[in-house]
């Protein structure tokens, strides 16, 4: 998704916004397609998860998710269907609880987190969220590979060796410790936290390849799994080199843990600065 796509998407979201008693809001059914969903049932699941998240944050759900109905054409006559009026904070929570594989979800997180409409800030937040999603995916694939390795006769020490040898293959013979020193990563911190996005995704891919082949080829024990992981990292390194990307020469990127703390702090600011729906009688007009 390039800057032109983001700009078109931003304009569409701007056009869908409404104001009621000074509160900016969006209708859920207007957001379903821009957030990458084609079925209301699936989008409503994300809404329900967002409502649960809102409640767990000790925030009144009714202040941000307001039940309403919408008339749609069905057959020869219109009929009412369920809908929601959503504050900016509610929209952000839906994006947080949406399908992370959809690029629209990361873009929605960026859009609703940024109070200003300045495109460059939306693009920056979009890139930051994608980086965090990639890092979380790498953690998931590493846990998956560890589970498979343990079932196939490799203990925790052996798995550490597999990871280390994989890094050596990816970084042209440089060890994990050497790469940490090169990128300024503390010894106790994961190397992946400072890797560029392309290398985070590369390591995620090699983990998935090793996990897949371990089961498909029925590999067992440290020697077989270590060799498989080294071969996969070597293959991915070769693909990167073919495209002019030298893994060990890429500069460090922002620490993902610091980035995540900043994103969460911005979320708290969003929560505190977003007004909810109110009613003079203390009740919502549903």
Protein backbone atom coordinates (compact mmCIF):
# COMPACT_ATOMS: atom_id res chain seq x y z
CA UNK A 1 0.00 0.00 0.00
CA UNK A 2 1.72 3.19 -1.21
CA UNK A 3 1.18 6.82 -0.20
CA UNK A 4 -1.49 7.35 -2.88
CA UNK A 5 -3.48 4.35 -1.59
CA UNK A 6 -3.19 5.68 1.95
CA UNK A 7 -4.36 9.12 0.87
CA UNK A 8 -7.42 7.70 -0.93
CA UNK A 9 -8.21 5.55 2.09
CA UNK A 10 -7.82 8.53 4.45
CA UNK A 11 -10.17 10.68 2.37
CA UNK A 12 -12.75 7.88 2.41
CA UNK A 13 -12.56 7.63 6.21
CA UNK A 14 -12.81 11.41 6.52
CA UNK A 15 -15.96 11.38 4.39
CA UNK A 16 -17.56 8.72 6.58
CA UNK A 17 -17.14 10.70 9.80
CA UNK A 18 -20.10 12.45 11.47
CA UNK A 19 -20.55 14.77 14.43
CA UNK A 20 -23.21 14.58 17.10
CA UNK A 21 -23.29 17.05 20.00
CA UNK A 22 -19.64 17.80 19.33
CA UNK A 23 -18.63 14.11 19.30
CA UNK A 24 -16.94 12.77 16.16
CA UNK A 25 -18.21 9.30 15.25
CA UNK A 26 -18.43 6.70 12.47
CA UNK A 27 -21.08 4.10 11.63
CA UNK A 28 -19.74 0.56 11.93
CA UNK A 29 -21.26 -0.61 8.66
CA UNK A 30 -19.54 2.25 6.84
CA UNK A 31 -16.18 1.07 8.22
CA UNK A 32 -16.59 -2.64 7.47
CA UNK A 33 -15.29 -2.53 3.87
CA UNK A 34 -12.49 0.03 4.46
CA UNK A 35 -11.24 -2.21 7.28
CA UNK A 36 -11.01 -5.15 4.88
CA UNK A 37 -14.17 -7.08 5.83
CA UNK A 38 -16.85 -8.34 3.43
CA UNK A 39 -19.18 -10.02 5.95
CA UNK A 40 -20.88 -8.23 8.83
CA UNK A 41 -20.75 -11.39 10.97
CA UNK A 42 -16.94 -11.39 10.89
CA UNK A 43 -16.67 -7.64 11.45
CA UNK A 44 -19.13 -7.86 14.35
CA UNK A 45 -16.81 -10.37 16.04
CA UNK A 46 -14.04 -7.77 15.96
CA UNK A 47 -16.49 -5.21 17.39
CA UNK A 48 -17.40 -7.56 20.24
CA UNK A 49 -13.72 -8.13 21.04
CA UNK A 50 -13.20 -4.37 20.99
CA UNK A 51 -16.11 -3.87 23.42
CA UNK A 52 -14.58 -6.44 25.76
CA UNK A 53 -11.24 -4.63 25.52
CA UNK A 54 -12.95 -1.33 26.29
CA UNK A 55 -14.57 -2.84 29.37
CA UNK A 56 -11.28 -4.36 30.53
CA UNK A 57 -9.78 -0.86 30.33
CA UNK A 58 -12.39 0.28 32.85
CA UNK A 59 -14.03 2.48 30.23
CA UNK A 60 -17.85 2.52 29.87
CA UNK A 61 -18.65 0.61 26.69
CA UNK A 62 -21.84 2.59 26.06
CA UNK A 63 -19.83 5.80 25.96
CA UNK A 64 -18.01 4.64 22.81
CA UNK A 65 -20.19 1.92 21.21
CA UNK A 66 -23.71 3.21 20.72
CA UNK A 67 -26.32 0.77 19.38
CA UNK A 68 -28.36 1.99 16.44
CA UNK A 69 -30.07 0.65 13.32
CA UNK A 70 -29.61 1.29 9.63
CA UNK A 71 -32.09 0.80 6.79
CA UNK A 72 -30.85 -1.35 3.94
CA UNK A 73 -32.55 -2.50 0.76
CA UNK A 74 -33.53 -6.17 0.93
CA UNK A 75 -35.74 -7.44 -1.85
CA UNK A 76 -38.51 -4.98 -2.63
CA UNK A 77 -38.50 -3.10 0.65
CA UNK A 78 -35.87 -1.68 3.00
CA UNK A 79 -35.38 -3.34 6.37
CA UNK A 80 -33.59 -2.28 9.55
CA UNK A 81 -30.26 -3.92 10.43
CA UNK A 82 -28.07 -3.59 13.50
CA UNK A 83 -25.37 -0.94 13.46
CA UNK A 84 -23.20 1.05 15.88
CA UNK A 85 -22.16 4.65 16.27
CA UNK A 86 -18.48 4.51 17.14
CA UNK A 87 -16.21 7.13 18.67
CA UNK A 88 -12.64 7.46 17.44
CA UNK A 89 -11.51 5.41 20.45
CA UNK A 90 -14.02 2.65 19.64
CA UNK A 91 -12.79 2.55 16.03
CA UNK A 92 -9.20 2.27 17.27
CA UNK A 93 -10.11 -0.64 19.55
CA UNK A 94 -11.86 -2.41 16.66
CA UNK A 95 -8.72 -2.02 14.57
CA UNK A 96 -6.64 -3.39 17.44
CA UNK A 97 -8.91 -6.42 17.64
CA UNK A 98 -9.25 -6.94 13.90
CA UNK A 99 -7.49 -9.40 11.62
CA UNK A 100 -3.79 -8.37 11.73
CA UNK A 101 -3.17 -9.97 8.34
CA UNK A 102 -5.27 -7.26 6.67
CA UNK A 103 -3.21 -4.17 5.73
CA UNK A 104 -6.37 -2.11 6.23
CA UNK A 105 -6.33 -2.99 9.93
CA UNK A 106 -2.84 -1.57 10.50
CA UNK A 107 -3.84 1.51 8.52
CA UNK A 108 -7.01 1.90 10.60
CA UNK A 109 -4.98 1.72 13.81
CA UNK A 110 -2.79 4.50 12.46
CA UNK A 111 -5.69 6.64 11.25
CA UNK A 112 -7.75 6.49 14.42
CA UNK A 113 -4.73 6.88 16.71
CA UNK A 114 -3.69 10.13 15.07
CA UNK A 115 -5.81 13.10 16.08
CA UNK A 116 -4.57 15.30 13.25
CA UNK A 117 -5.34 14.40 9.65
CA UNK A 118 -1.79 15.09 8.46
CA UNK A 119 -0.96 12.29 6.06
CA UNK A 120 2.71 11.99 6.96
CA UNK A 121 1.81 11.20 10.57
CA UNK A 122 -0.66 8.54 9.47
CA UNK A 123 1.96 6.99 7.18
CA UNK A 124 4.50 7.03 10.00
CA UNK A 125 2.14 5.34 12.46
CA UNK A 126 1.10 2.84 9.78
CA UNK A 127 4.76 1.85 9.34
CA UNK A 128 5.28 1.63 13.11
CA UNK A 129 2.27 -0.65 13.60
CA UNK A 130 3.38 -2.87 10.74
CA UNK A 131 6.82 -3.16 12.37
CA UNK A 132 5.24 -4.22 15.67
CA UNK A 133 2.98 -6.71 13.90
CA UNK A 134 6.02 -8.23 12.17
CA UNK A 135 7.90 -8.48 15.48
CA UNK A 136 4.95 -10.18 17.17
CA UNK A 137 4.69 -12.60 14.25
CA UNK A 138 8.38 -13.47 14.66
CA UNK A 139 7.84 -14.19 18.36
CA UNK A 140 4.91 -16.45 17.47
CA UNK A 141 6.86 -18.39 14.84
CA UNK A 142 9.78 -18.80 17.25
CA UNK A 143 7.46 -20.25 19.90
CA UNK A 144 5.96 -22.58 17.31
CA UNK A 145 9.40 -23.77 16.21
CA UNK A 146 10.49 -24.26 19.83
CA UNK A 147 7.43 -26.41 20.52
CA UNK A 148 8.12 -28.59 17.49
CA UNK A 149 11.81 -28.89 18.38
CA UNK A 150 11.04 -29.97 21.95
CA UNK A 151 8.66 -32.65 20.68
CA UNK A 152 11.43 -33.91 18.40
CA UNK A 153 14.09 -34.45 21.02
CA UNK A 154 15.71 -31.01 21.33
CA UNK A 155 16.04 -29.42 24.78
CA UNK A 156 16.21 -25.70 25.56
CA UNK A 157 20.01 -25.64 25.25
CA UNK A 158 19.80 -27.36 21.90
CA UNK A 159 17.16 -24.92 20.67
CA UNK A 160 19.44 -22.01 21.59
CA UNK A 161 22.12 -23.63 19.42
CA UNK A 162 19.65 -23.96 16.53
CA UNK A 163 18.78 -20.26 16.78
CA UNK A 164 22.43 -19.24 17.00
CA UNK A 165 23.47 -21.31 14.00
CA UNK A 166 20.53 -19.92 12.05
CA UNK A 167 21.74 -16.38 12.77
CA UNK A 168 25.24 -17.27 11.62
CA UNK A 169 23.85 -18.56 8.33
CA UNK A 170 21.68 -15.48 7.82
CA UNK A 171 24.41 -12.98 8.70
CA UNK A 172 27.25 -14.48 6.67
CA UNK A 173 29.05 -16.24 9.51
CA UNK A 174 28.58 -13.53 12.13
CA UNK A 175 27.26 -14.81 15.45
CA UNK A 176 24.27 -13.43 17.32
CA UNK A 177 26.65 -11.82 19.83
CA UNK A 178 28.66 -10.18 17.04
CA UNK A 179 25.51 -8.78 15.44
CA UNK A 180 24.32 -7.45 18.80
CA UNK A 181 27.62 -5.63 19.24
CA UNK A 182 27.46 -4.28 15.69
CA UNK A 183 23.91 -2.95 16.15
CA UNK A 184 24.36 -1.74 19.72
CA UNK A 185 21.97 -4.27 21.27
CA UNK A 186 22.46 -5.06 24.97
CA UNK A 187 23.59 -8.64 25.64
CA UNK A 188 20.38 -9.41 27.53
CA UNK A 189 18.06 -8.01 24.82
CA UNK A 190 16.81 -9.93 21.76
CA UNK A 191 18.66 -9.13 18.55
CA UNK A 192 15.37 -8.99 16.64
CA UNK A 193 14.23 -5.91 18.58
CA UNK A 194 16.72 -3.76 16.64
CA UNK A 195 16.66 -5.51 13.26
CA UNK A 196 15.24 -3.79 10.19
CA UNK A 197 11.74 -4.81 9.14
CA UNK A 198 12.98 -6.88 6.20
CA UNK A 199 15.24 -8.96 8.50
CA UNK A 200 12.47 -9.47 11.06
CA UNK A 201 10.31 -10.88 8.26
CA UNK A 202 13.23 -12.92 6.94
CA UNK A 203 13.76 -14.57 10.33
CA UNK A 204 10.01 -15.16 10.63
CA UNK A 205 10.06 -16.92 7.26
CA UNK A 206 13.01 -19.15 8.16
CA UNK A 207 11.30 -20.18 11.41
CA UNK A 208 8.17 -21.15 9.49
CA UNK A 209 10.18 -23.03 6.87
CA UNK A 210 12.06 -25.02 9.51
CA UNK A 211 8.88 -25.81 11.45
CA UNK A 212 7.15 -26.96 8.26
CA UNK A 213 10.00 -29.14 7.02
CA UNK A 214 10.61 -30.64 10.47
CA UNK A 215 7.14 -32.14 10.35
CA UNK A 216 6.95 -32.88 6.62
CA UNK A 217 10.34 -34.60 6.57
CA UNK A 218 9.97 -36.09 10.06
CA UNK A 219 13.21 -34.58 11.34
CA UNK A 220 14.41 -35.45 14.83
CA UNK A 221 17.24 -34.43 17.12
CA UNK A 222 19.60 -31.50 17.26
CA UNK A 223 21.80 -32.35 14.23
CA UNK A 224 18.90 -32.66 11.77
CA UNK A 225 16.96 -29.64 12.99
CA UNK A 226 20.10 -27.51 13.21
CA UNK A 227 21.09 -28.36 9.64
CA UNK A 228 17.56 -27.67 8.39
CA UNK A 229 17.45 -24.27 10.07
CA UNK A 230 20.91 -23.33 8.79
CA UNK A 231 19.96 -24.35 5.24
CA UNK A 232 16.76 -22.29 5.36
CA UNK A 233 18.61 -19.24 6.65
CA UNK A 234 21.26 -19.68 3.95
CA UNK A 235 18.54 -19.86 1.28
CA UNK A 236 16.83 -16.72 2.55
CA UNK A 237 20.20 -14.96 2.76
CA UNK A 238 20.83 -15.89 -0.86
CA UNK A 239 17.51 -14.39 -1.92
CA UNK A 240 18.31 -11.17 -0.06
CA UNK A 241 21.78 -10.95 -1.62
CA UNK A 242 20.28 -11.48 -5.08
CA UNK A 243 18.18 -8.36 -4.47
CA UNK A 244 21.14 -6.32 -3.26
CA UNK A 245 20.33 -6.65 0.46
CA UNK A 246 23.28 -7.64 2.67
CA UNK A 247 21.75 -8.63 6.06
CA UNK A 248 24.79 -7.85 8.22
CA UNK A 249 25.19 -4.40 6.64
CA UNK A 250 21.69 -3.10 7.31
CA UNK A 251 21.57 -0.36 9.99
CA UNK A 252 19.72 -0.88 13.28
CA UNK A 253 16.07 0.11 13.46
CA UNK A 254 14.14 1.55 16.37
CA UNK A 255 13.89 -0.77 19.38
CA UNK A 256 10.51 -2.49 19.10
CA UNK A 257 10.05 -2.51 22.87
CA UNK A 258 10.48 1.28 23.02
CA UNK A 259 8.21 1.62 20.01
CA UNK A 260 5.52 -0.49 21.65
CA UNK A 261 5.70 1.59 24.84
CA UNK A 262 5.25 4.76 22.80
CA UNK A 263 2.30 3.35 20.88
CA UNK A 264 0.63 2.27 24.14
CA UNK A 265 1.24 5.70 25.66
CA UNK A 266 -0.39 7.30 22.62
CA UNK A 267 -3.32 4.92 23.04
CA UNK A 268 -3.81 6.15 26.61
CA UNK A 269 -3.75 9.74 25.36
CA UNK A 270 -6.33 8.83 22.74
CA UNK A 271 -8.55 7.25 25.37
CA UNK A 272 -8.36 10.28 27.66
CA UNK A 273 -8.85 12.83 24.87
CA UNK A 274 -11.78 11.17 23.10
CA UNK A 275 -15.21 12.24 24.27
CA UNK A 276 -17.90 9.60 24.53
CA UNK A 277 -21.59 9.79 23.78
CA UNK A 278 -23.57 11.36 26.61
CA UNK A 279 -27.22 11.90 27.35
CA UNK A 280 -28.69 14.69 29.52
CA UNK A 281 -30.88 12.14 31.30
CA UNK A 282 -27.99 9.81 31.96
CA UNK A 283 -29.27 7.31 29.38
CA UNK A 284 -28.50 6.64 25.76
CA UNK A 285 -31.17 7.34 23.20
CA UNK A 286 -31.21 4.00 21.40
